C-alpha cells in the first residue's frame, strides 16, 4: 500500500513539474502553443498573464474564447476555485489585480458559446453580487470596481434589475440593500495610488 502511495505521489510531482505556463500578455502569436496546453495550464496561464496587469484592455478576451472553444465546461472547476478566493480590493488599487476582468471576459465567452446552464449563470452572478456587497461594506465607496463587478454580474445573469449606466441609482440601490451610506468615488479617475 505504501508503495502505491509513493508511486502516485511521484506521478503527481512529475506532472506538476511538467505543467506549462504561457505568457499571454502582448502575445499575438501564441495560439498554436496555447492549444497544446491542458485545460489547467490554459486557465493558469490566462489568469496569471493578466492578473498583475493594471489594464489588460481587451487582450484577455481572445484567450478566453480560445479556452472556451477548446475545453468548454472543463474550465468551470478552475473558475469555481478562482471565484472562491476572488477579492475586489485591488481592481483599481496597488497592487493591481485584474482577475475580475479575466472573469468578465470569460463570462462573455461562456455566455456566447452557451456552456453555462441558467443555474450556473445565476450562481456565478450571486457570487459576484456577494463580492460587491463585501467590497461596499468594507470601503463604503462606490467606484469603478463596483461598475466592473456589476457588469460581470449582469453579463452572467441579465435578470439582475440594476439601472445600468446610472451610477447614482446603482449606488442608491446598494445603500438601500445594505442599509449603509456609501460615498461616491471619483468616477473620472481610473486608478488609485
C-alpha atoms as a PDB file:
ATOM      1  CA  UNK A   1       0.000   0.000   0.000  1.00  0.00           C
ATOM      2  CA  UNK A   2       2.790   2.428   0.905  1.00  0.00           C
ATOM      3  CA  UNK A   3       4.489   1.610  -2.385  1.00  0.00           C
ATOM      4  CA  UNK A   4       1.334   2.537  -4.333  1.00  0.00           C
ATOM      5  CA  UNK A   5       1.015   5.829  -2.462  1.00  0.00           C
ATOM      6  CA  UNK A   6       4.671   6.633  -3.145  1.00  0.00           C
ATOM      7  CA  UNK A   7       4.200   5.902  -6.863  1.00  0.00           C
ATOM      8  CA  UNK A   8       1.090   8.106  -7.017  1.00  0.00           C
ATOM      9  CA  UNK A   9       2.932  10.935  -5.252  1.00  0.00           C
ATOM     10  CA  UNK A  10       5.827  10.648  -7.691  1.00  0.00           C
ATOM     11  CA  UNK A  11       3.452  10.762 -10.652  1.00  0.00           C
ATOM     12  CA  UNK A  12       1.737  13.848  -9.245  1.00  0.00           C
ATOM     13  CA  UNK A  13       5.086  15.520  -8.575  1.00  0.00           C
ATOM     14  CA  UNK A  14       6.284  14.713 -12.079  1.00  0.00           C
ATOM     15  CA  UNK A  15       3.042  16.021 -13.585  1.00  0.00           C
ATOM     16  CA  UNK A  16       3.413  19.235 -11.569  1.00  0.00           C
ATOM     17  CA  UNK A  17       6.976  19.702 -12.766  1.00  0.00           C
ATOM     18  CA  UNK A  18       5.873  19.284 -16.356  1.00  0.00           C
ATOM     19  CA  UNK A  19       2.989  21.746 -16.077  1.00  0.00           C
ATOM     20  CA  UNK A  20       3.461  24.541 -18.562  1.00  0.00           C
ATOM     21  CA  UNK A  21       2.524  28.118 -18.162  1.00  0.00           C
ATOM     22  CA  UNK A  22       2.491  30.557 -21.006  1.00  0.00           C
ATOM     23  CA  UNK A  23       2.695  34.352 -21.010  1.00  0.00           C
ATOM     24  CA  UNK A  24      -0.334  35.693 -22.880  1.00  0.00           C
ATOM     25  CA  UNK A  25       0.067  39.425 -22.245  1.00  0.00           C
ATOM     26  CA  UNK A  26       1.041  41.099 -25.531  1.00  0.00           C
ATOM     27  CA  UNK A  27       1.353  37.684 -27.169  1.00  0.00           C
ATOM     28  CA  UNK A  28      -0.142  37.806 -30.654  1.00  0.00           C
ATOM     29  CA  UNK A  29       1.418  34.600 -31.970  1.00  0.00           C
ATOM     30  CA  UNK A  30       0.908  32.052 -29.233  1.00  0.00           C
ATOM     31  CA  UNK A  31      -2.378  30.464 -30.353  1.00  0.00           C
ATOM     32  CA  UNK A  32      -0.792  27.215 -31.546  1.00  0.00           C
ATOM     33  CA  UNK A  33       1.245  26.756 -28.373  1.00  0.00           C
ATOM     34  CA  UNK A  34      -1.792  27.678 -26.240  1.00  0.00           C
ATOM     35  CA  UNK A  35      -3.800  24.923 -27.949  1.00  0.00           C
ATOM     36  CA  UNK A  36      -1.228  22.324 -26.805  1.00  0.00           C
ATOM     37  CA  UNK A  37      -1.742  23.177 -23.119  1.00  0.00           C
ATOM     38  CA  UNK A  38      -4.019  21.225 -20.798  1.00  0.00           C
ATOM     39  CA  UNK A  39      -7.150  22.929 -19.500  1.00  0.00           C
ATOM     40  CA  UNK A  40      -5.409  23.647 -16.185  1.00  0.00           C
ATOM     41  CA  UNK A  41      -2.352  25.088 -17.940  1.00  0.00           C
ATOM     42  CA  UNK A  42      -4.502  27.262 -20.167  1.00  0.00           C
ATOM     43  CA  UNK A  43      -6.557  28.575 -17.260  1.00  0.00           C
ATOM     44  CA  UNK A  44      -3.496  29.203 -15.085  1.00  0.00           C
ATOM     45  CA  UNK A  45      -1.761  30.963 -17.975  1.00  0.00           C
ATOM     46  CA  UNK A  46      -4.898  33.004 -18.607  1.00  0.00           C
ATOM     47  CA  UNK A  47      -5.289  34.255 -15.036  1.00  0.00           C
ATOM     48  CA  UNK A  48      -1.588  34.697 -14.263  1.00  0.00           C
ATOM     49  CA  UNK A  49      -0.805  36.517 -17.514  1.00  0.00           C
ATOM     50  CA  UNK A  50      -3.280  39.300 -16.831  1.00  0.00           C
ATOM     51  CA  UNK A  51      -3.653  39.293 -13.037  1.00  0.00           C
ATOM     52  CA  UNK A  52      -0.868  41.822 -12.354  1.00  0.00           C
ATOM     53  CA  UNK A  53      -1.522  43.977 -15.429  1.00  0.00           C
ATOM     54  CA  UNK A  54      -3.083  47.285 -14.432  1.00  0.00           C
ATOM     55  CA  UNK A  55      -5.260  47.498 -17.546  1.00  0.00           C
ATOM     56  CA  UNK A  56      -5.234  44.435 -19.816  1.00  0.00           C
ATOM     57  CA  UNK A  57      -7.778  46.109 -22.119  1.00  0.00           C
ATOM     58  CA  UNK A  58      -9.403  43.543 -24.421  1.00  0.00           C
ATOM     59  CA  UNK A  59      -6.447  41.139 -24.527  1.00  0.00           C
ATOM     60  CA  UNK A  60      -7.940  38.512 -22.191  1.00  0.00           C
ATOM     61  CA  UNK A  61     -10.998  38.181 -24.440  1.00  0.00           C
ATOM     62  CA  UNK A  62      -9.319  36.340 -27.323  1.00  0.00           C
ATOM     63  CA  UNK A  63      -7.668  33.881 -24.920  1.00  0.00           C
ATOM     64  CA  UNK A  64     -10.955  33.313 -23.080  1.00  0.00           C
ATOM     65  CA  UNK A  65     -12.652  32.435 -26.377  1.00  0.00           C
ATOM     66  CA  UNK A  66      -9.847  30.056 -27.311  1.00  0.00           C
ATOM     67  CA  UNK A  67     -10.042  28.342 -23.944  1.00  0.00           C
ATOM     68  CA  UNK A  68     -13.831  28.022 -24.078  1.00  0.00           C
ATOM     69  CA  UNK A  69     -13.721  26.799 -27.690  1.00  0.00           C
ATOM     70  CA  UNK A  70     -11.200  24.097 -26.846  1.00  0.00           C
ATOM     71  CA  UNK A  71     -12.283  22.956 -23.384  1.00  0.00           C
ATOM     72  CA  UNK A  72     -15.786  24.279 -22.798  1.00  0.00           C
ATOM     73  CA  UNK A  73     -17.197  23.180 -19.473  1.00  0.00           C
ATOM     74  CA  UNK A  74     -13.904  21.604 -18.385  1.00  0.00           C
ATOM     75  CA  UNK A  75     -12.775  25.120 -17.407  1.00  0.00           C
ATOM     76  CA  UNK A  76     -15.533  25.562 -14.810  1.00  0.00           C
ATOM     77  CA  UNK A  77     -13.838  23.802 -11.842  1.00  0.00           C
ATOM     78  CA  UNK A  78     -10.906  26.228 -12.197  1.00  0.00           C
ATOM     79  CA  UNK A  79     -13.252  29.194 -12.444  1.00  0.00           C
ATOM     80  CA  UNK A  80     -15.034  27.961  -9.318  1.00  0.00           C
ATOM     81  CA  UNK A  81     -11.767  27.970  -7.357  1.00  0.00           C
ATOM     82  CA  UNK A  82     -10.976  31.483  -8.558  1.00  0.00           C
ATOM     83  CA  UNK A  83     -14.407  32.744  -7.542  1.00  0.00           C
ATOM     84  CA  UNK A  84     -13.946  31.297  -4.039  1.00  0.00           C
ATOM     85  CA  UNK A  85     -10.888  33.452  -3.400  1.00  0.00           C
ATOM     86  CA  UNK A  86     -11.766  36.459  -5.546  1.00  0.00           C
ATOM     87  CA  UNK A  87     -11.497  39.821  -3.858  1.00  0.00           C
ATOM     88  CA  UNK A  88     -12.277  43.179  -5.391  1.00  0.00           C
ATOM     89  CA  UNK A  89      -9.817  45.053  -3.173  1.00  0.00           C
ATOM     90  CA  UNK A  90      -7.176  45.669  -5.844  1.00  0.00           C
ATOM     91  CA  UNK A  91      -9.009  46.064  -9.115  1.00  0.00           C
ATOM     92  CA  UNK A  92      -8.002  49.740  -9.215  1.00  0.00           C
ATOM     93  CA  UNK A  93      -5.613  49.987  -6.234  1.00  0.00           C
ATOM     94  CA  UNK A  94      -1.995  48.858  -5.964  1.00  0.00           C
ATOM     95  CA  UNK A  95      -1.025  46.050  -6.128  1.00  0.00           C
ATOM     96  CA  UNK A  96      -3.369  45.734  -9.094  1.00  0.00           C
ATOM     97  CA  UNK A  97      -5.308  42.533  -9.600  1.00  0.00           C
ATOM     98  CA  UNK A  98      -7.202  42.126 -12.867  1.00  0.00           C
ATOM     99  CA  UNK A  99      -8.661  38.703 -12.055  1.00  0.00           C
ATOM    100  CA  UNK A 100     -12.159  40.195 -12.105  1.00  0.00           C
ATOM    101  CA  UNK A 101     -11.584  41.428 -15.667  1.00  0.00           C
ATOM    102  CA  UNK A 102     -10.475  37.922 -16.672  1.00  0.00           C
ATOM    103  CA  UNK A 103     -13.698  36.566 -15.193  1.00  0.00           C
ATOM    104  CA  UNK A 104     -15.654  39.247 -17.055  1.00  0.00           C
ATOM    105  CA  UNK A 105     -14.138  38.261 -20.411  1.00  0.00           C
ATOM    106  CA  UNK A 106     -14.539  34.572 -19.616  1.00  0.00           C
ATOM    107  CA  UNK A 107     -18.214  35.167 -18.785  1.00  0.00           C
ATOM    108  CA  UNK A 108     -18.724  36.857 -22.173  1.00  0.00           C
ATOM    109  CA  UNK A 109     -17.188  33.872 -23.989  1.00  0.00           C
ATOM    110  CA  UNK A 110     -19.012  31.320 -21.829  1.00  0.00           C
ATOM    111  CA  UNK A 111     -22.363  33.067 -22.328  1.00  0.00           C
ATOM    112  CA  UNK A 112     -21.911  33.461 -26.078  1.00  0.00           C
ATOM    113  CA  UNK A 113     -20.779  29.835 -26.503  1.00  0.00           C
ATOM    114  CA  UNK A 114     -23.620  28.697 -24.212  1.00  0.00           C
ATOM    115  CA  UNK A 115     -21.512  26.476 -21.968  1.00  0.00           C
ATOM    116  CA  UNK A 116     -23.225  27.593 -18.753  1.00  0.00           C
ATOM    117  CA  UNK A 117     -26.584  26.401 -17.519  1.00  0.00           C
ATOM    118  CA  UNK A 118     -29.066  29.012 -16.327  1.00  0.00           C
ATOM    119  CA  UNK A 119     -28.489  27.856 -12.742  1.00  0.00           C
ATOM    120  CA  UNK A 120     -24.720  28.277 -13.127  1.00  0.00           C
ATOM    121  CA  UNK A 121     -25.161  31.773 -14.541  1.00  0.00           C
ATOM    122  CA  UNK A 122     -27.362  32.719 -11.600  1.00  0.00           C
ATOM    123  CA  UNK A 123     -24.958  31.153  -9.091  1.00  0.00           C
ATOM    124  CA  UNK A 124     -21.913  32.929 -10.532  1.00  0.00           C
ATOM    125  CA  UNK A 125     -23.814  36.222 -10.630  1.00  0.00           C
ATOM    126  CA  UNK A 126     -24.828  35.747  -6.976  1.00  0.00           C
ATOM    127  CA  UNK A 127     -21.189  35.116  -6.040  1.00  0.00           C
ATOM    128  CA  UNK A 128     -20.140  38.334  -7.787  1.00  0.00           C
ATOM    129  CA  UNK A 129     -23.029  40.161  -6.085  1.00  0.00           C
ATOM    130  CA  UNK A 130     -21.770  38.949  -2.693  1.00  0.00           C
ATOM    131  CA  UNK A 131     -18.251  40.177  -3.580  1.00  0.00           C
ATOM    132  CA  UNK A 132     -19.686  43.614  -4.453  1.00  0.00           C
ATOM    133  CA  UNK A 133     -21.528  43.751  -1.150  1.00  0.00           C
ATOM    134  CA  UNK A 134     -18.399  42.759   0.809  1.00  0.00           C
ATOM    135  CA  UNK A 135     -16.426  45.441  -1.011  1.00  0.00           C
ATOM    136  CA  UNK A 136     -19.032  48.116  -0.316  1.00  0.00           C
ATOM    137  CA  UNK A 137     -19.357  47.131   3.336  1.00  0.00           C
ATOM    138  CA  UNK A 138     -15.574  47.273   3.732  1.00  0.00           C
ATOM    139  CA  UNK A 139     -14.812  50.515   1.851  1.00  0.00           C
ATOM    140  CA  UNK A 140     -18.205  52.261   1.680  1.00  0.00           C
ATOM    141  CA  UNK A 141     -17.256  53.816  -1.636  1.00  0.00           C
ATOM    142  CA  UNK A 142     -18.937  53.435  -4.993  1.00  0.00           C
ATOM    143  CA  UNK A 143     -16.272  53.448  -7.710  1.00  0.00           C
ATOM    144  CA  UNK A 144     -15.184  51.759 -10.937  1.00  0.00           C
ATOM    145  CA  UNK A 145     -14.519  48.500  -9.093  1.00  0.00           C
ATOM    146  CA  UNK A 146     -18.237  48.203  -8.376  1.00  0.00           C
ATOM    147  CA  UNK A 147     -19.062  49.054 -12.010  1.00  0.00           C
ATOM    148  CA  UNK A 148     -16.746  46.328 -13.413  1.00  0.00           C
ATOM    149  CA  UNK A 149     -18.132  43.775 -10.946  1.00  0.00           C
ATOM    150  CA  UNK A 150     -21.731  44.757 -11.731  1.00  0.00           C
ATOM    151  CA  UNK A 151     -21.040  44.450 -15.474  1.00  0.00           C
ATOM    152  CA  UNK A 152     -19.711  40.932 -14.866  1.00  0.00           C
ATOM    153  CA  UNK A 153     -22.767  40.060 -12.805  1.00  0.00           C
ATOM    154  CA  UNK A 154     -25.157  41.369 -15.463  1.00  0.00           C
ATOM    155  CA  UNK A 155     -23.243  39.552 -18.228  1.00  0.00           C
ATOM    156  CA  UNK A 156     -23.874  36.312 -16.374  1.00  0.00           C
ATOM    157  CA  UNK A 157     -27.466  36.946 -15.347  1.00  0.00           C
ATOM    158  CA  UNK A 158     -29.409  39.603 -17.215  1.00  0.00           C
ATOM    159  CA  UNK A 159     -32.317  39.273 -14.790  1.00  0.00           C
ATOM    160  CA  UNK A 160     -30.493  41.492 -12.279  1.00  0.00           C
ATOM    161  CA  UNK A 161     -32.577  44.621 -12.087  1.00  0.00           C
ATOM    162  CA  UNK A 162     -29.772  47.160 -11.984  1.00  0.00           C
ATOM    163  CA  UNK A 163     -30.262  50.557 -13.611  1.00  0.00           C
ATOM    164  CA  UNK A 164     -27.175  50.098 -15.750  1.00  0.00           C
ATOM    165  CA  UNK A 165     -25.131  53.187 -16.620  1.00  0.00           C
ATOM    166  CA  UNK A 166     -26.739  55.287 -13.884  1.00  0.00           C
ATOM    167  CA  UNK A 167     -24.103  55.296 -11.164  1.00  0.00           C
ATOM    168  CA  UNK A 168     -26.195  57.243  -8.662  1.00  0.00           C
ATOM    169  CA  UNK A 169     -29.151  54.867  -8.971  1.00  0.00           C
ATOM    170  CA  UNK A 170     -26.902  51.823  -8.590  1.00  0.00           C
ATOM    171  CA  UNK A 171     -25.286  53.432  -5.529  1.00  0.00           C
ATOM    172  CA  UNK A 172     -28.728  54.189  -4.066  1.00  0.00           C
ATOM    173  CA  UNK A 173     -29.827  50.588  -4.666  1.00  0.00           C
ATOM    174  CA  UNK A 174     -26.824  49.264  -2.715  1.00  0.00           C
ATOM    175  CA  UNK A 175     -27.289  51.801   0.091  1.00  0.00           C
ATOM    176  CA  UNK A 176     -30.876  50.600   0.464  1.00  0.00           C
ATOM    177  CA  UNK A 177     -29.944  46.931   0.190  1.00  0.00           C
ATOM    178  CA  UNK A 178     -27.039  47.162   2.669  1.00  0.00           C
ATOM    179  CA  UNK A 179     -28.526  49.801   4.969  1.00  0.00           C
ATOM    180  CA  UNK A 180     -25.392  51.974   4.856  1.00  0.00           C
ATOM    181  CA  UNK A 181     -24.279  55.272   3.378  1.00  0.00           C
ATOM    182  CA  UNK A 182     -21.851  54.899   0.501  1.00  0.00           C
ATOM    183  CA  UNK A 183     -19.589  57.680  -0.734  1.00  0.00           C
ATOM    184  CA  UNK A 184     -19.457  58.346  -4.455  1.00  0.00           C
ATOM    185  CA  UNK A 185     -15.911  57.888  -5.692  1.00  0.00           C
ATOM    186  CA  UNK A 186     -14.212  59.870  -8.405  1.00  0.00           C
ATOM    187  CA  UNK A 187     -15.520  58.085 -11.489  1.00  0.00           C
ATOM    188  CA  UNK A 188     -13.231  60.072 -13.788  1.00  0.00           C
ATOM    189  CA  UNK A 189     -10.093  58.713 -12.125  1.00  0.00           C
ATOM    190  CA  UNK A 190      -9.145  55.262 -13.365  1.00  0.00           C
ATOM    191  CA  UNK A 191      -6.638  54.102 -10.734  1.00  0.00           C
ATOM    192  CA  UNK A 192      -5.910  54.968  -7.161  1.00  0.00           C
ATOM    193  CA  UNK A 193      -2.395  55.079  -5.779  1.00  0.00           C
END
